[in-house]
């Protein structure tokens, strides 16, 4: 069923170019170009890329809790009674050997949170591209409607002049002239409204793409859709980035439960220190020292805090699972809606084509009959209006068909730069985390260079 819809839709789209007057100019924007620029210029994506870096730093901080620490401590004390000064320099190394598994769980939770944020970035990327598609199609539709209405105004202007000429020679009445004038006024009003709609669509394009359109060459062919609606449902349920993000959030919440439970377990730590003491004016008090200590601690009572933290983490995990189930329902609804729109638009295109053919035949017949005196000027004007409405309906249905097709991709999780192979460099979500991971050599990358520039701008290296 889906493949038949796609084949029929593509056959219908093949005739759209016949009604497009302002396309094909050199350098005109294609839909792929608009989507690529939207990806490149999106401040929303840029904001969330920095939010991803924040999550990456959370992993670094969690990993740091598993590693030993080394501190330098310097102290000077003056004894006013003995009139002596004692100075101490000390190096202290600490290592937590066991913390009830809480620190390992915290690290795993931070890593799962990073993966969730990466998938959220992909999901947001899909929304940015869909917004660009919507904006492109609205401008494309508005331009065609303006062209059709401009043509209608020109035709009605000629008809008004002809009616006035016939009135002067006594072939038409004043009523015929008034009807032509009223129809022309209505056409001019509709043209002004269409031009206003185009201006609004251009502003939406600027918001979605990051610049104004440079002439549109048309959306091209329909994109490749999933093999069937059932396949789209499977992708929406299992592969969609929003689903994957919530799956990682569930993992992070489960690790957070383990972290909270670790707070009730024993804690074993090792401390190694070395010191140097200087005292004046009593050199005999100078010397070096060192110590090695192993400490075991166990919480007994903390006012119910540990139990509360565990219950809170469990509630958060259940809430995240419920959110995951809800997102599956929303995705399946989005797939169903998109395919319904696809069927509706395809049916409207076929009906509009039939209506255009019938309206054109009717107009030709009414004009012929009017030339013989069997029809009035109003009959001709009404037939022209029917043809105009049929053409505009065809334009609107064509835009709806493209919008529905890309909505299918979005609902299935396939509307991404990688899946569409758009001509734009893709953001590397792993570059920042790898560059600053503890114990990993830093490798130069475009993202790292941009970060260096940001740090220099705020006075840090």
Protein backbone atom coordinates (compact mmCIF):
# COMPACT_ATOMS: atom_id res chain seq x y z
CA UNK A 1 0.00 0.00 0.00
CA UNK A 2 2.76 2.43 0.97
CA UNK A 3 4.82 1.72 -2.14
CA UNK A 4 1.76 2.39 -4.31
CA UNK A 5 1.21 5.70 -2.54
CA UNK A 6 4.84 6.68 -3.12
CA UNK A 7 4.77 5.70 -6.81
CA UNK A 8 1.52 7.55 -7.40
CA UNK A 9 2.77 10.57 -5.45
CA UNK A 10 5.97 10.73 -7.48
CA UNK A 11 4.01 10.51 -10.71
CA UNK A 12 1.83 13.38 -9.52
CA UNK A 13 4.83 15.45 -8.46
CA UNK A 14 6.37 15.09 -11.92
CA UNK A 15 3.85 17.59 -13.29
CA UNK A 16 4.42 20.30 -10.71
CA UNK A 17 7.15 22.02 -12.71
CA UNK A 18 4.58 23.03 -15.31
CA UNK A 19 2.96 25.42 -12.82
CA UNK A 20 6.15 26.84 -11.28
CA UNK A 21 7.18 30.11 -12.90
CA UNK A 22 10.00 31.29 -10.66
CA UNK A 23 12.27 28.27 -10.51
CA UNK A 24 15.39 27.04 -12.24
CA UNK A 25 17.43 30.21 -11.70
CA UNK A 26 21.17 29.72 -11.31
CA UNK A 27 22.14 29.47 -7.68
CA UNK A 28 18.56 28.93 -6.50
CA UNK A 29 18.11 27.10 -3.21
CA UNK A 30 17.35 23.41 -3.30
CA UNK A 31 15.67 21.73 -0.36
CA UNK A 32 18.91 19.91 0.48
CA UNK A 33 20.82 23.20 0.50
CA UNK A 34 18.26 24.74 2.84
CA UNK A 35 18.46 21.79 5.24
CA UNK A 36 22.26 21.87 5.18
CA UNK A 37 22.29 25.59 5.97
CA UNK A 38 19.75 25.10 8.74
CA UNK A 39 22.05 22.51 10.30
CA UNK A 40 25.07 24.77 9.86
CA UNK A 41 23.43 27.96 11.20
CA UNK A 42 21.22 26.59 13.99
CA UNK A 43 21.87 28.36 17.27
CA UNK A 44 19.66 25.79 18.98
CA UNK A 45 21.98 22.99 17.91
CA UNK A 46 24.99 25.07 18.95
CA UNK A 47 23.49 25.60 22.40
CA UNK A 48 22.89 21.89 22.87
CA UNK A 49 26.38 21.02 21.68
CA UNK A 50 27.70 23.03 24.63
CA UNK A 51 25.21 21.28 26.89
CA UNK A 52 26.70 18.00 25.66
CA UNK A 53 30.13 19.28 26.67
CA UNK A 54 28.76 19.92 30.14
CA UNK A 55 27.70 16.26 30.32
CA UNK A 56 31.13 15.20 29.04
CA UNK A 57 32.72 17.11 31.91
CA UNK A 58 30.43 15.24 34.28
CA UNK A 59 32.10 12.00 33.13
CA UNK A 60 35.54 13.52 33.69
CA UNK A 61 34.59 14.53 37.21
CA UNK A 62 33.14 11.09 37.97
CA UNK A 63 36.26 9.33 36.64
CA UNK A 64 38.43 11.64 38.74
CA UNK A 65 36.75 10.26 41.86
CA UNK A 66 38.21 6.84 41.01
CA UNK A 67 41.78 8.10 40.67
CA UNK A 68 44.31 8.96 43.40
CA UNK A 69 44.76 12.56 44.44
CA UNK A 70 47.93 14.41 45.45
CA UNK A 71 47.87 17.63 47.48
CA UNK A 72 50.51 20.03 48.73
CA UNK A 73 49.97 21.64 52.12
CA UNK A 74 52.15 24.40 53.59
CA UNK A 75 51.70 25.79 57.07
CA UNK A 76 53.51 28.37 59.25
CA UNK A 77 52.81 28.78 62.97
CA UNK A 78 54.30 31.40 65.36
CA UNK A 79 54.53 30.59 69.07
CA UNK A 80 54.47 33.96 70.84
CA UNK A 81 55.47 32.56 74.26
CA UNK A 82 58.41 30.43 73.10
CA UNK A 83 59.28 32.98 70.41
CA UNK A 84 59.60 30.26 67.77
CA UNK A 85 58.31 29.85 64.23
CA UNK A 86 57.45 26.42 62.87
CA UNK A 87 56.92 25.87 59.15
CA UNK A 88 55.70 22.63 57.63
CA UNK A 89 55.57 21.48 54.02
CA UNK A 90 53.57 18.32 53.34
CA UNK A 91 52.61 16.14 50.37
CA UNK A 92 49.45 14.06 50.87
CA UNK A 93 48.31 11.33 48.51
CA UNK A 94 44.85 9.78 48.87
CA UNK A 95 43.16 6.85 47.17
CA UNK A 96 39.67 5.54 47.82
CA UNK A 97 39.95 1.76 47.55
CA UNK A 98 36.29 0.94 48.10
CA UNK A 99 33.26 3.21 48.39
CA UNK A 100 30.45 0.68 48.29
CA UNK A 101 30.40 0.81 44.49
CA UNK A 102 28.92 4.30 44.56
CA UNK A 103 31.73 5.99 42.63
CA UNK A 104 31.78 3.35 39.89
CA UNK A 105 27.99 3.64 39.63
CA UNK A 106 28.28 7.43 39.43
CA UNK A 107 30.77 7.07 36.57
CA UNK A 108 28.48 4.68 34.69
CA UNK A 109 25.54 7.02 35.25
CA UNK A 110 27.52 9.96 33.89
CA UNK A 111 28.54 7.95 30.81
CA UNK A 112 24.92 6.92 30.17
CA UNK A 113 23.86 10.54 30.56
CA UNK A 114 26.38 11.57 27.90
CA UNK A 115 25.01 8.93 25.51
CA UNK A 116 21.48 10.14 26.21
CA UNK A 117 22.49 13.73 25.52
CA UNK A 118 24.12 12.70 22.24
CA UNK A 119 20.89 11.04 21.14
CA UNK A 120 18.91 14.09 22.24
CA UNK A 121 21.17 16.16 20.00
CA UNK A 122 20.34 13.88 17.06
CA UNK A 123 16.63 14.17 17.86
CA UNK A 124 16.96 17.93 17.98
CA UNK A 125 18.84 17.82 14.67
CA UNK A 126 15.84 16.02 13.15
CA UNK A 127 13.51 18.76 14.40
CA UNK A 128 15.77 21.48 12.98
CA UNK A 129 15.77 19.79 9.58
CA UNK A 130 11.98 19.30 9.64
CA UNK A 131 11.53 22.98 10.49
CA UNK A 132 13.72 23.84 7.50
CA UNK A 133 11.63 21.58 5.25
CA UNK A 134 8.42 23.19 6.51
CA UNK A 135 9.78 26.70 5.96
CA UNK A 136 11.07 25.82 2.48
CA UNK A 137 7.73 24.33 1.43
CA UNK A 138 5.79 27.32 2.75
CA UNK A 139 7.92 29.72 0.70
CA UNK A 140 7.71 27.43 -2.33
CA UNK A 141 3.93 27.17 -2.03
CA UNK A 142 3.50 30.90 -1.43
CA UNK A 143 5.62 31.77 -4.47
CA UNK A 144 3.52 29.57 -6.73
CA UNK A 145 0.26 30.95 -5.35
CA UNK A 146 1.53 34.51 -5.94
CA UNK A 147 2.47 33.59 -9.52
CA UNK A 148 -0.96 32.08 -10.18
CA UNK A 149 -2.77 35.07 -8.67
CA UNK A 150 -0.60 37.52 -10.61
CA UNK A 151 -1.54 35.69 -13.79
CA UNK A 152 -5.19 35.84 -12.76
CA UNK A 153 -4.99 39.60 -12.20
CA UNK A 154 -3.48 40.06 -15.67
CA UNK A 155 -6.23 37.98 -17.28
CA UNK A 156 -9.02 39.79 -15.41
CA UNK A 157 -7.50 43.15 -16.30
CA UNK A 158 -7.65 42.21 -19.98
CA UNK A 159 -11.22 40.99 -19.57
CA UNK A 160 -12.25 44.22 -17.93
CA UNK A 161 -10.80 46.21 -20.81
CA UNK A 162 -12.60 43.95 -23.27
CA UNK A 163 -15.87 44.36 -21.35
CA UNK A 164 -15.45 48.13 -21.37
CA UNK A 165 -14.78 48.06 -25.11
CA UNK A 166 -17.88 45.96 -25.72
CA UNK A 167 -19.92 48.26 -23.49
CA UNK A 168 -18.86 51.25 -25.56
CA UNK A 169 -20.09 49.57 -28.75
CA UNK A 170 -23.28 48.35 -27.07
CA UNK A 171 -22.47 44.63 -26.91
CA UNK A 172 -22.26 44.48 -23.08
CA UNK A 173 -24.23 46.16 -20.35
CA UNK A 174 -22.98 48.26 -17.47
CA UNK A 175 -23.68 45.26 -15.24
CA UNK A 176 -21.15 43.16 -17.17
CA UNK A 177 -18.51 45.85 -16.68
CA UNK A 178 -19.29 46.10 -12.96
CA UNK A 179 -19.01 42.35 -12.57
CA UNK A 180 -15.59 42.38 -14.25
CA UNK A 181 -14.49 45.27 -12.03
CA UNK A 182 -15.63 43.43 -8.88
CA UNK A 183 -13.85 40.26 -9.92
CA UNK A 184 -10.64 42.17 -10.63
CA UNK A 185 -10.83 43.92 -7.25
CA UNK A 186 -11.25 40.57 -5.54
CA UNK A 187 -8.29 39.15 -7.48
CA UNK A 188 -6.10 42.10 -6.45
CA UNK A 189 -7.13 41.62 -2.82
CA UNK A 190 -6.28 37.93 -3.00
CA UNK A 191 -2.95 38.77 -4.62
CA UNK A 192 -2.10 41.18 -1.81
CA UNK A 193 -2.94 38.50 0.75
CA UNK A 194 -0.78 35.96 -1.10
CA UNK A 195 2.13 38.41 -1.21
CA UNK A 196 1.74 38.97 2.53
CA UNK A 197 1.76 35.22 3.11
CA UNK A 198 4.96 34.99 1.08
CA UNK A 199 6.60 37.70 3.21
CA UNK A 200 5.63 35.83 6.39
CA UNK A 201 6.97 32.58 4.91
CA UNK A 202 10.28 34.28 4.10
CA UNK A 203 10.65 35.35 7.73
CA UNK A 204 9.94 31.80 8.87
CA UNK A 205 12.58 30.58 6.39
CA UNK A 206 15.09 33.03 7.85
CA UNK A 207 14.37 31.76 11.35
CA UNK A 208 14.60 28.08 10.39
CA UNK A 209 17.53 28.24 7.95
CA UNK A 210 19.49 31.21 9.28
CA UNK A 211 19.15 33.35 6.14
CA UNK A 212 16.57 34.49 3.62
CA UNK A 213 15.78 32.33 0.56
CA UNK A 214 17.74 32.93 -2.63
CA UNK A 215 15.07 31.79 -5.05
CA UNK A 216 13.80 28.23 -4.80
CA UNK A 217 14.42 25.56 -7.40
CA UNK A 218 11.75 23.30 -5.90
CA UNK A 219 11.98 20.39 -3.45
CA UNK A 220 12.95 17.86 -6.13
CA UNK A 221 11.91 14.23 -5.84
CA UNK A 222 10.25 12.65 -2.87
CA UNK A 223 12.68 11.21 -0.29
CA UNK A 224 13.14 7.47 0.15
CA UNK A 225 10.70 6.32 2.81
CA UNK A 226 10.64 3.13 4.89
CA UNK A 227 9.46 0.06 2.96
CA UNK A 228 6.13 0.03 4.78
CA UNK A 229 4.24 1.69 7.58
CA UNK A 230 5.02 -1.34 9.75
CA UNK A 231 8.74 -0.79 9.16
CA UNK A 232 8.33 2.87 10.09
CA UNK A 233 6.57 1.81 13.30
CA UNK A 234 9.47 -0.50 14.15
CA UNK A 235 12.00 2.27 13.59
CA UNK A 236 9.95 4.73 15.64
CA UNK A 237 9.68 2.21 18.48
CA UNK A 238 13.27 0.97 18.55
CA UNK A 239 15.66 3.18 16.57
CA UNK A 240 14.35 6.72 16.96
CA UNK A 241 16.95 8.97 18.68
CA UNK A 242 14.36 10.15 21.22
CA UNK A 243 13.77 6.52 22.21
CA UNK A 244 17.48 5.78 22.42
CA UNK A 245 18.02 8.88 24.53
CA UNK A 246 15.40 7.76 27.04
CA UNK A 247 16.81 4.24 27.09
CA UNK A 248 20.16 5.70 28.13
CA UNK A 249 18.38 7.89 30.68
CA UNK A 250 16.83 4.75 32.16
CA UNK A 251 20.32 3.24 32.42
CA UNK A 252 21.62 6.38 34.09
CA UNK A 253 18.73 6.32 36.56
CA UNK A 254 19.42 2.67 37.42
CA UNK A 255 23.09 3.45 38.06
CA UNK A 256 21.98 6.36 40.24
CA UNK A 257 20.02 3.88 42.36
CA UNK A 258 23.21 1.84 42.83
CA UNK A 259 25.07 5.01 43.70
CA UNK A 260 22.52 5.84 46.38
CA UNK A 261 22.71 2.33 47.83
CA UNK A 262 26.50 2.56 47.94
CA UNK A 263 26.18 5.35 50.47
CA UNK A 264 25.15 2.82 53.13
CA UNK A 265 28.15 0.55 52.53
CA UNK A 266 31.66 0.66 54.07
CA UNK A 267 34.29 3.03 52.74
CA UNK A 268 37.97 2.06 52.62
CA UNK A 269 40.65 4.64 51.83
CA UNK A 270 44.46 4.83 51.79
CA UNK A 271 46.49 7.93 52.66
CA UNK A 272 50.24 8.49 52.22
CA UNK A 273 51.91 11.66 53.45
CA UNK A 274 55.45 13.05 53.58
CA UNK A 275 56.39 16.23 55.48
CA UNK A 276 59.30 18.56 56.13
CA UNK A 277 59.37 20.75 59.25
CA UNK A 278 61.47 23.89 59.78
CA UNK A 279 61.67 25.67 63.14
CA UNK A 280 63.48 28.82 64.14
CA UNK A 281 65.45 29.60 66.23
CA UNK A 282 65.61 25.94 67.40
CA UNK A 283 67.23 23.87 64.68
CA UNK A 284 66.93 20.75 66.78
CA UNK A 285 63.18 20.74 66.12
CA UNK A 286 63.67 20.48 62.35
CA UNK A 287 63.07 17.14 60.62
CA UNK A 288 61.23 15.01 58.12
CA UNK A 289 58.25 12.77 58.62
CA UNK A 290 56.04 10.36 56.74
CA UNK A 291 53.00 8.19 57.35
CA UNK A 292 50.84 5.57 55.69
CA UNK A 293 47.29 5.04 56.92
CA UNK A 294 44.38 2.82 55.97
CA UNK A 295 40.93 4.01 57.05
CA UNK A 296 37.68 2.06 57.14
CA UNK A 297 34.44 3.88 57.80
CA UNK A 298 30.81 2.76 57.91
CA UNK A 299 27.76 5.03 58.23
CA UNK A 300 25.44 3.94 61.05
CA UNK A 301 22.84 6.67 61.28
CA UNK A 302 22.34 9.80 59.16
CA UNK A 303 18.82 10.78 60.04
CA UNK A 304 17.23 8.76 57.25
CA UNK A 305 19.17 10.56 54.51
CA UNK A 306 20.55 7.39 52.89
CA UNK A 307 17.16 5.71 52.63
CA UNK A 308 15.61 8.88 51.28
CA UNK A 309 18.24 9.18 48.56
CA UNK A 310 17.63 5.57 47.49
CA UNK A 311 13.85 6.04 47.36
CA UNK A 312 14.32 9.24 45.39
CA UNK A 313 16.57 7.48 42.87
CA UNK A 314 14.07 4.62 42.50
CA UNK A 315 11.24 7.07 41.87
CA UNK A 316 13.34 8.86 39.25
CA UNK A 317 14.06 5.56 37.50
CA UNK A 318 10.36 4.66 37.37
CA UNK A 319 9.47 8.13 36.10
CA UNK A 320 12.05 7.79 33.32
CA UNK A 321 10.66 4.38 32.31
CA UNK A 322 7.17 5.84 32.15
CA UNK A 323 8.49 8.67 30.01
CA UNK A 324 10.08 6.12 27.67
CA UNK A 325 6.76 4.28 27.28
CA UNK A 326 5.00 7.57 26.63
CA UNK A 327 7.55 8.54 23.98
CA UNK A 328 6.96 5.25 22.17
CA UNK A 329 3.25 6.07 22.00
CA UNK A 330 3.96 9.58 20.72
CA UNK A 331 6.31 8.25 18.04
CA UNK A 332 3.77 5.71 16.81
CA UNK A 333 1.12 8.41 16.70
CA UNK A 334 3.46 10.64 14.69
CA UNK A 335 4.07 7.82 12.18
CA UNK A 336 0.34 7.19 11.82
CA UNK A 337 -0.39 10.89 11.36
CA UNK A 338 2.36 11.29 8.77
CA UNK A 339 1.15 8.36 6.68
CA UNK A 340 -2.44 9.62 6.92
CA UNK A 341 -1.28 13.01 5.64
CA UNK A 342 0.62 11.23 2.86
CA UNK A 343 -2.53 9.41 1.71
CA UNK A 344 -4.67 12.54 1.98
CA UNK A 345 -2.22 14.67 -0.01
CA UNK A 346 -1.88 12.03 -2.71
CA UNK A 347 -5.68 11.77 -3.06
CA UNK A 348 -5.97 15.58 -3.16
CA UNK A 349 -3.38 15.80 -5.94
CA UNK A 350 -5.25 13.27 -8.05
CA UNK A 351 -8.57 15.03 -7.40
CA UNK A 352 -7.02 18.44 -8.16
CA UNK A 353 -5.62 17.17 -11.47
CA UNK A 354 -9.07 15.94 -12.47
CA UNK A 355 -10.61 19.20 -11.31
CA UNK A 356 -8.10 21.26 -13.30
CA UNK A 357 -8.82 19.30 -16.48
CA UNK A 358 -12.57 19.59 -15.99
CA UNK A 359 -12.39 23.30 -15.08
CA UNK A 360 -10.23 24.02 -18.13
CA UNK A 361 -12.71 22.26 -20.43
CA UNK A 362 -15.59 24.09 -18.79
CA UNK A 363 -13.84 27.45 -19.18
CA UNK A 364 -13.11 26.83 -22.84
CA UNK A 365 -16.74 25.88 -23.40
CA UNK A 366 -18.14 28.87 -21.53
CA UNK A 367 -15.89 31.24 -23.46
CA UNK A 368 -17.04 29.73 -26.75
CA UNK A 369 -20.67 29.97 -25.71
CA UNK A 370 -20.15 33.55 -24.49
CA UNK A 371 -18.74 34.51 -27.89
CA UNK A 372 -22.02 33.26 -29.37
CA UNK A 373 -24.10 35.16 -26.84
CA UNK A 374 -25.29 32.08 -24.94
CA UNK A 375 -23.28 32.91 -21.81
CA UNK A 376 -22.76 36.08 -19.78
CA UNK A 377 -19.56 37.72 -18.60
CA UNK A 378 -20.33 36.50 -15.09
CA UNK A 379 -20.41 32.91 -16.33
CA UNK A 380 -16.94 33.32 -17.81
CA UNK A 381 -15.63 34.91 -14.61
CA UNK A 382 -17.07 32.11 -12.48
CA UNK A 383 -15.46 29.46 -14.72
CA UNK A 384 -12.11 31.20 -14.45
CA UNK A 385 -12.45 31.35 -10.68
CA UNK A 386 -13.12 27.60 -10.56
CA UNK A 387 -9.95 26.94 -12.57
CA UNK A 388 -7.94 29.27 -10.32
CA UNK A 389 -9.11 27.52 -7.16
CA UNK A 390 -8.30 24.13 -8.69
CA UNK A 391 -4.75 25.21 -9.49
CA UNK A 392 -4.21 26.62 -6.00
CA UNK A 393 -5.57 23.43 -4.46
CA UNK A 394 -3.06 21.49 -6.57
CA UNK A 395 -0.21 23.63 -5.28
CA UNK A 396 -1.30 23.23 -1.65
CA UNK A 397 -1.71 19.47 -2.01
CA UNK A 398 1.74 19.15 -3.57
CA UNK A 399 3.34 21.00 -0.65
CA UNK A 400 1.37 18.82 1.78
CA UNK A 401 2.67 15.67 0.05
CA UNK A 402 6.29 16.72 0.51
CA UNK A 403 5.66 17.80 4.09
CA UNK A 404 4.02 14.46 4.90
CA UNK A 405 6.89 12.50 3.32
CA UNK A 406 9.51 14.28 5.42
CA UNK A 407 7.28 13.93 8.48
CA UNK A 408 7.41 10.17 7.93
CA UNK A 409 11.21 10.36 7.98
CA UNK A 410 11.16 12.49 11.11
CA UNK A 411 8.74 10.19 12.94
CA UNK A 412 10.86 7.18 11.95
CA UNK A 413 14.10 8.77 13.15
CA UNK A 414 15.55 8.94 9.63
CA UNK A 415 15.56 12.72 9.16
CA UNK A 416 19.22 13.32 10.02
CA UNK A 417 22.23 14.75 8.24
CA UNK A 418 23.84 11.31 8.13
CA UNK A 419 20.78 9.53 6.73
CA UNK A 420 20.14 12.19 4.10
CA UNK A 421 23.86 12.61 3.33
CA UNK A 422 23.52 16.38 3.30
CA UNK A 423 26.44 18.45 1.93
CA UNK A 424 27.61 19.79 5.30
CA UNK A 425 30.35 18.71 7.76
CA UNK A 426 28.78 16.71 10.57
CA UNK A 427 29.46 17.62 14.19
CA UNK A 428 31.60 15.04 15.97
CA UNK A 429 29.84 14.34 19.27
CA UNK A 430 32.82 12.35 20.61
CA UNK A 431 35.64 14.80 19.86
CA UNK A 432 35.28 16.97 22.95
CA UNK A 433 34.88 14.11 25.43
CA UNK A 434 37.84 12.22 23.97
CA UNK A 435 40.04 15.32 23.99
CA UNK A 436 39.63 15.96 27.72
CA UNK A 437 39.12 12.47 29.12
CA UNK A 438 41.49 11.82 32.07
CA UNK A 439 44.47 9.73 30.98
CA UNK A 440 43.71 10.13 27.24
CA UNK A 441 46.18 12.17 25.13
CA UNK A 442 44.61 15.24 23.67
CA UNK A 443 44.22 15.19 19.89
CA UNK A 444 43.72 18.37 17.90
CA UNK A 445 40.32 18.65 16.22
CA UNK A 446 38.16 21.46 14.76
CA UNK A 447 35.86 21.21 17.79
CA UNK A 448 38.85 21.40 20.13
CA UNK A 449 40.23 24.44 18.32
CA UNK A 450 36.88 26.16 18.64
CA UNK A 451 36.84 25.39 22.34
CA UNK A 452 40.37 26.77 22.72
CA UNK A 453 39.21 29.97 21.08
CA UNK A 454 36.30 30.16 23.52
CA UNK A 455 38.57 29.64 26.52
CA UNK A 456 40.97 32.31 25.28
CA UNK A 457 38.06 34.70 24.81
CA UNK A 458 37.09 34.36 28.45
CA UNK A 459 40.69 34.60 29.62
CA UNK A 460 41.42 30.93 30.33
CA UNK A 461 43.76 28.35 28.82
